[in-house]
Protein backbone atom coordinates (compact mmCIF):
# COMPACT_ATOMS: atom_id res chain seq x y z
CA MET A 1 109.37 108.55 95.65
CA GLY A 2 106.63 106.26 96.91
CA TRP A 3 103.96 105.39 94.44
CA GLY A 4 101.29 106.99 96.65
CA SER A 5 102.98 110.31 95.49
CA GLY A 6 103.29 108.79 91.99
CA SER A 7 99.54 108.75 91.58
CA ARG A 8 99.28 112.23 92.80
CA LEU A 9 101.96 113.26 90.25
CA ALA A 10 99.83 111.46 87.51
CA MET A 11 96.76 113.36 88.72
CA ARG A 12 98.68 116.62 88.13
CA LEU A 13 99.71 115.53 84.71
CA ILE A 14 96.14 114.50 83.76
CA LYS A 15 94.83 117.85 84.94
CA ALA A 16 97.55 119.68 82.89
CA ALA A 17 96.80 117.62 79.81
CA LYS A 18 93.00 118.10 80.25
CA GLU A 19 93.56 121.88 80.38
CA THR A 20 96.04 122.15 77.44
CA ILE A 21 95.34 119.45 75.06
CA SER A 22 91.89 119.96 73.63
CA ASN A 23 92.21 117.21 70.94
CA GLU A 24 91.05 114.09 72.57
CA GLU A 25 93.00 111.78 70.36
CA GLU A 26 96.20 113.59 71.18
CA ARG A 27 95.23 113.33 74.90
CA VAL A 28 94.76 109.62 74.59
CA ASN A 29 98.31 109.42 72.94
CA PHE A 30 99.68 111.37 75.81
CA TYR A 31 97.92 109.16 78.41
CA ASP A 32 99.18 106.05 76.66
CA GLU A 33 102.79 107.21 76.96
CA MET A 34 102.24 108.49 80.49
CA ILE A 35 100.76 105.07 81.60
CA ASP A 36 103.67 103.19 79.96
CA ALA A 37 106.27 105.39 81.67
CA PHE A 38 104.57 105.10 85.12
CA GLU A 39 104.18 101.27 84.68
CA ASP A 40 107.86 100.96 83.53
CA ALA A 41 108.72 102.53 86.85
CA ASP A 42 106.61 99.90 88.67
CA CYS A 43 103.74 102.25 89.50
CA ASP A 44 100.52 100.35 89.71
CA THR A 45 98.16 102.88 91.40
CA LEU A 46 97.03 104.84 88.33
CA ASP A 47 93.54 103.57 88.74
CA GLU A 48 93.36 106.12 91.60
CA CYS A 49 93.35 108.70 88.81
CA LEU A 50 90.04 107.49 87.45
CA GLY A 51 87.40 110.29 87.55
CA ASP A 52 89.94 113.13 86.75
CA ASP A 53 89.35 113.11 83.01
CA PRO A 54 86.71 111.21 81.11
CA VAL A 55 89.22 110.75 78.22
CA PHE A 56 91.62 109.12 80.65
CA ASP A 57 88.89 106.94 82.07
CA LYS A 58 87.80 105.72 78.63
CA HIS A 59 91.41 105.00 77.67
CA TRP A 60 91.90 103.15 80.93
CA GLU A 61 88.79 101.01 80.23
CA THR A 62 90.12 100.21 76.75
CA ARG A 63 93.52 99.19 78.03
CA TYR A 64 92.30 97.26 81.14
CA PRO A 65 88.75 96.04 80.44
CA ASP A 66 88.87 93.42 83.19
CA ASP A 67 89.88 95.97 85.75
CA TRP A 68 87.30 98.60 84.98
CA SER A 69 84.78 99.68 87.54
CA GLU A 70 83.00 103.01 87.50
CA GLU A 71 83.10 104.57 90.88
C-alpha cells in the first residue's frame, strides 16, 4: 500500500471514530494509538486528515505544535 492510500484509510478511520465514539477523550485515545500505528508503518501523511474531525485536529496540534497550520 502506498501512503497516499494510507491517509485515505486514516480518513475513513477518523470518520468512523467521529460517528461512533461520542466521548472526546476516548476519541483522542483512539487517535493517539492510530497515529502511532501509522507512524510505526512509516506513514507521514496524516496531516492530510486535518479538517476531518476537530478532535483529531486539536490532538494533532498538541502532538505536533511546530507543524500546525490551520487550512
